Amino acid sequence: MAYTNQDLINIRELITAGEGKAQVDGKLIEYRNLDDLLRIEKLIIASLAAQATPAKKRRSSFLGQHIRTQLNRGLD
């Protein structure tokens, strides 16, 4: 599930208010305790950070192998 900034705001409001229940998509969700809410907050923060980090491009080593092969053949 991809979390949004609004999810983070909502969970922080629950933590601040000391609420243990929330209505999400028409469903009543009940959290056991503050530790649950804090754990979910950390999960949302990590998810948002991962979404914001661009994926690294994989560099192919094919070109490097091709050049080394050509150089090795030239020295024989």
Protein backbone atom coordinates (compact mmCIF):
# COMPACT_ATOMS: atom_id res chain seq x y z
CA MET A 1 0.00 0.00 0.00
CA ALA A 2 1.34 3.42 -0.92
CA TYR A 3 0.90 5.89 1.91
CA THR A 4 0.26 9.59 1.42
CA ASN A 5 1.13 12.72 3.37
CA GLN A 6 -2.51 12.82 4.45
CA ASP A 7 -2.09 9.37 6.04
CA LEU A 8 0.81 10.74 8.07
CA ILE A 9 -1.23 13.77 9.14
CA ASN A 10 -4.13 11.54 10.15
CA ILE A 11 -2.02 9.18 12.25
CA ARG A 12 -0.31 12.11 13.96
CA GLU A 13 -3.71 13.60 14.81
CA LEU A 14 -4.71 10.30 16.41
CA ILE A 15 -1.48 10.23 18.42
CA THR A 16 -1.90 13.82 19.56
CA ALA A 17 -5.55 13.38 20.50
CA GLY A 18 -4.90 10.08 22.24
CA GLU A 19 -7.55 8.46 20.09
CA GLY A 20 -7.54 4.74 19.53
CA LYS A 21 -10.15 4.58 16.78
CA ALA A 22 -10.30 5.92 13.24
CA GLN A 23 -12.70 5.73 10.32
CA VAL A 24 -10.85 4.76 7.11
CA ASP A 25 -12.72 4.12 3.85
CA GLY A 26 -15.92 3.52 5.79
CA LYS A 27 -14.29 0.97 8.11
CA LEU A 28 -13.73 1.49 11.83
CA ILE A 29 -10.14 0.72 12.78
CA GLU A 30 -9.27 0.31 16.44
CA TYR A 31 -5.65 0.48 17.57
CA ARG A 32 -4.60 -1.40 20.68
CA ASN A 33 -2.37 1.25 22.17
CA LEU A 34 -0.07 4.20 21.57
CA ASP A 35 2.78 1.87 20.59
CA ASP A 36 0.69 0.66 17.62
CA LEU A 37 0.14 4.23 16.47
CA LEU A 38 3.82 5.12 16.83
CA ARG A 39 4.86 1.99 14.93
CA ILE A 40 2.46 2.84 12.11
CA GLU A 41 3.73 6.44 12.05
CA LYS A 42 7.29 5.16 11.53
CA LEU A 43 6.08 2.80 8.80
CA ILE A 44 4.36 5.66 6.97
CA ILE A 45 7.42 7.91 7.28
CA ALA A 46 9.68 5.18 5.87
CA SER A 47 7.25 4.51 3.03
CA LEU A 48 7.04 8.20 2.11
CA ALA A 49 10.84 8.48 2.17
CA ALA A 50 11.16 5.46 -0.13
CA GLN A 51 8.61 6.96 -2.52
CA ALA A 52 10.55 10.24 -2.61
CA THR A 53 13.90 8.57 -3.34
CA PRO A 54 14.40 8.05 -7.08
CA ALA A 55 15.30 4.54 -8.14
CA LYS A 56 18.96 4.11 -9.00
CA LYS A 57 19.75 3.27 -12.56
CA ARG A 58 21.66 0.07 -13.06
CA ARG A 59 24.75 0.52 -15.14
CA SER A 60 25.52 -2.22 -17.54
CA SER A 61 29.06 -3.48 -17.49
CA PHE A 62 28.73 -4.71 -21.08
CA LEU A 63 30.59 -1.71 -22.49
CA GLY A 64 33.44 -2.15 -20.02
CA GLN A 65 33.72 -5.84 -20.86
CA HIS A 66 33.71 -5.09 -24.58
CA ILE A 67 36.51 -2.54 -24.23
CA ARG A 68 38.63 -4.88 -22.08
CA THR A 69 38.12 -7.67 -24.59
CA GLN A 70 39.23 -5.47 -27.48
CA LEU A 71 42.31 -4.27 -25.54
CA ASN A 72 43.28 -7.82 -24.59
CA ARG A 73 43.03 -8.98 -28.20
CA GLY A 74 45.22 -6.15 -29.37
CA LEU A 75 48.05 -7.12 -27.02
CA ASP A 76 48.27 -10.77 -28.07
